[in-house]
C-alpha atoms as a PDB file:
ATOM      1  CA  MET A   1      19.169  55.812 -46.852  1.00  0.00           C
ATOM      2  CA  ARG A   2      19.149  54.394 -50.345  1.00  0.00           C
ATOM      3  CA  PRO A   3      17.041  56.212 -52.812  1.00  0.00           C
ATOM      4  CA  ARG A   4      14.181  54.439 -54.556  1.00  0.00           C
ATOM      5  CA  VAL A   5      13.965  53.858 -58.444  1.00  0.00           C
ATOM      6  CA  ASP A   6      11.199  52.882 -59.793  1.00  0.00           C
ATOM      7  CA  TRP A   7      12.589  49.974 -62.124  1.00  0.00           C
ATOM      8  CA  MET A   8      14.740  48.369 -59.826  1.00  0.00           C
ATOM      9  CA  THR A   9      14.070  45.071 -58.135  1.00  0.00           C
ATOM     10  CA  GLN A  10      15.157  43.633 -54.886  1.00  0.00           C
ATOM     11  CA  GLY A  11      17.569  41.503 -56.945  1.00  0.00           C
ATOM     12  CA  ASP A  12      19.464  44.070 -58.257  1.00  0.00           C
ATOM     13  CA  GLU A  13      20.466  45.589 -54.856  1.00  0.00           C
ATOM     14  CA  ARG A  14      21.502  42.368 -53.839  1.00  0.00           C
ATOM     15  CA  ILE A  15      23.659  41.904 -57.125  1.00  0.00           C
ATOM     16  CA  MET A  16      25.384  44.740 -56.436  1.00  0.00           C
ATOM     17  CA  GLU A  17      25.438  44.371 -52.063  1.00  0.00           C
ATOM     18  CA  PHE A  18      27.129  41.130 -52.943  1.00  0.00           C
ATOM     19  CA  LEU A  19      30.009  42.424 -55.578  1.00  0.00           C
ATOM     20  CA  TYR A  20      30.436  45.479 -52.913  1.00  0.00           C
ATOM     21  CA  GLU A  21      30.711  43.352 -49.688  1.00  0.00           C
ATOM     22  CA  LYS A  22      33.035  40.900 -51.230  1.00  0.00           C
ATOM     23  CA  ASP A  23      35.110  43.445 -53.106  1.00  0.00           C
ATOM     24  CA  ILE A  24      35.322  40.924 -56.456  1.00  0.00           C
ATOM     25  CA  VAL A  25      35.062  40.455 -60.182  1.00  0.00           C
ATOM     26  CA  ALA A  26      32.338  37.885 -60.507  1.00  0.00           C
ATOM     27  CA  SER A  27      29.895  36.380 -63.321  1.00  0.00           C
ATOM     28  CA  PRO A  28      26.488  36.226 -63.222  1.00  0.00           C
ATOM     29  CA  SER A  29      26.479  32.200 -62.265  1.00  0.00           C
ATOM     30  CA  VAL A  30      29.001  32.904 -59.511  1.00  0.00           C
ATOM     31  CA  ILE A  31      26.522  35.776 -58.423  1.00  0.00           C
ATOM     32  CA  ALA A  32      23.804  33.733 -58.445  1.00  0.00           C
ATOM     33  CA  ALA A  33      24.800  30.847 -56.457  1.00  0.00           C
ATOM     34  CA  ASN A  34      25.682  33.252 -53.839  1.00  0.00           C
ATOM     35  CA  ILE A  35      22.279  35.064 -53.856  1.00  0.00           C
ATOM     36  CA  ASN A  36      19.865  32.410 -54.300  1.00  0.00           C
ATOM     37  CA  TYR A  37      18.839  33.647 -57.867  1.00  0.00           C
ATOM     38  CA  THR A  38      18.965  32.140 -61.090  1.00  0.00           C
ATOM     39  CA  ASN A  39      21.712  32.509 -63.519  1.00  0.00           C
ATOM     40  CA  GLU A  40      19.318  33.876 -65.919  1.00  0.00           C
ATOM     41  CA  TYR A  41      17.699  36.709 -64.018  1.00  0.00           C
ATOM     42  CA  VAL A  42      20.835  37.665 -62.626  1.00  0.00           C
ATOM     43  CA  SER A  43      22.852  37.660 -66.102  1.00  0.00           C
ATOM     44  CA  ARG A  44      19.542  40.076 -67.626  1.00  0.00           C
ATOM     45  CA  ARG A  45      19.932  42.491 -64.164  1.00  0.00           C
ATOM     46  CA  CYS A  46      23.546  43.187 -64.455  1.00  0.00           C
ATOM     47  CA  ARG A  47      22.844  43.914 -68.139  1.00  0.00           C
ATOM     48  CA  LYS A  48      20.596  46.393 -67.248  1.00  0.00           C
ATOM     49  CA  LEU A  49      22.780  47.558 -64.222  1.00  0.00           C
ATOM     50  CA  THR A  50      25.360  48.352 -66.670  1.00  0.00           C
ATOM     51  CA  ASP A  51      23.518  49.828 -68.873  1.00  0.00           C
ATOM     52  CA  ALA A  52      22.810  52.375 -65.798  1.00  0.00           C
ATOM     53  CA  GLY A  53      26.383  52.806 -64.735  1.00  0.00           C
ATOM     54  CA  LEU A  54      26.092  50.722 -61.418  1.00  0.00           C
ATOM     55  CA  LEU A  55      28.187  48.141 -62.835  1.00  0.00           C
ATOM     56  CA  GLN A  56      31.073  47.589 -65.220  1.00  0.00           C
ATOM     57  CA  ARG A  57      31.488  44.631 -67.811  1.00  0.00           C
ATOM     58  CA  VAL A  58      34.979  43.884 -67.426  1.00  0.00           C
ATOM     59  CA  ASP A  59      35.253  41.014 -69.987  1.00  0.00           C
ATOM     60  CA  ALA A  60      32.753  38.561 -71.566  1.00  0.00           C
ATOM     61  CA  SER A  61      31.093  37.041 -68.463  1.00  0.00           C
ATOM     62  CA  ASN A  62      32.460  39.037 -65.607  1.00  0.00           C
ATOM     63  CA  TYR A  63      30.860  42.462 -63.476  1.00  0.00           C
ATOM     64  CA  ARG A  64      32.512  45.006 -61.120  1.00  0.00           C
ATOM     65  CA  ILE A  65      30.450  47.213 -59.043  1.00  0.00           C
ATOM     66  CA  THR A  66      31.788  50.589 -60.347  1.00  0.00           C
ATOM     67  CA  SER A  67      31.965  53.850 -58.185  1.00  0.00           C
ATOM     68  CA  PHE A  68      28.678  55.054 -59.001  1.00  0.00           C
ATOM     69  CA  GLY A  69      26.945  51.756 -57.897  1.00  0.00           C
ATOM     70  CA  GLU A  70      28.950  52.234 -54.673  1.00  0.00           C
ATOM     71  CA  ARG A  71      27.675  55.392 -54.038  1.00  0.00           C
ATOM     72  CA  PHE A  72      24.091  54.407 -54.527  1.00  0.00           C
ATOM     73  CA  LEU A  73      24.268  51.310 -51.805  1.00  0.00           C
ATOM     74  CA  GLU A  74      25.715  53.960 -49.342  1.00  0.00           C
ATOM     75  CA  GLY A  75      23.166  56.601 -50.138  1.00  0.00           C
ATOM     76  CA  THR A  76      25.109  59.326 -51.554  1.00  0.00           C
ATOM     77  CA  THR A  77      23.169  59.029 -55.024  1.00  0.00           C
ATOM     78  CA  SER A  78      20.187  60.322 -55.936  1.00  0.00           C
ATOM     79  CA  ALA A  79      17.172  58.518 -57.709  1.00  0.00           C
ATOM     80  CA  GLU A  80      17.470  61.555 -60.585  1.00  0.00           C
ATOM     81  CA  GLU A  81      20.791  60.383 -61.423  1.00  0.00           C
ATOM     82  CA  LEU A  82      19.033  56.958 -62.236  1.00  0.00           C
ATOM     83  CA  GLU A  83      16.145  58.501 -63.690  1.00  0.00           C
ATOM     84  CA  GLY A  84      15.235  57.586 -67.508  1.00  0.00           C
ATOM     85  CA  GLU A  85      17.016  54.184 -67.170  1.00  0.00           C
ATOM     86  CA  ASN A  86      14.000  51.312 -67.425  1.00  0.00           C
END
């Protein structure tokens, strides 16, 4: 079971799930087109998730999920590991 983190949104989980399931590096616009959120929203949330260590920015416009992000999705991390991120 995934930990509940106060600052995270349902969109954050959808972003991470997309990158995890597809096992790809993608831009916010590609992610947005596939999960039905706006590019602006996904871009903002990708930056937030990167700050938390859940995503990694691989170049100027592309992201990938980190091993920490994968563990979060698999439910093997705790909310305390993300505490203080907001």
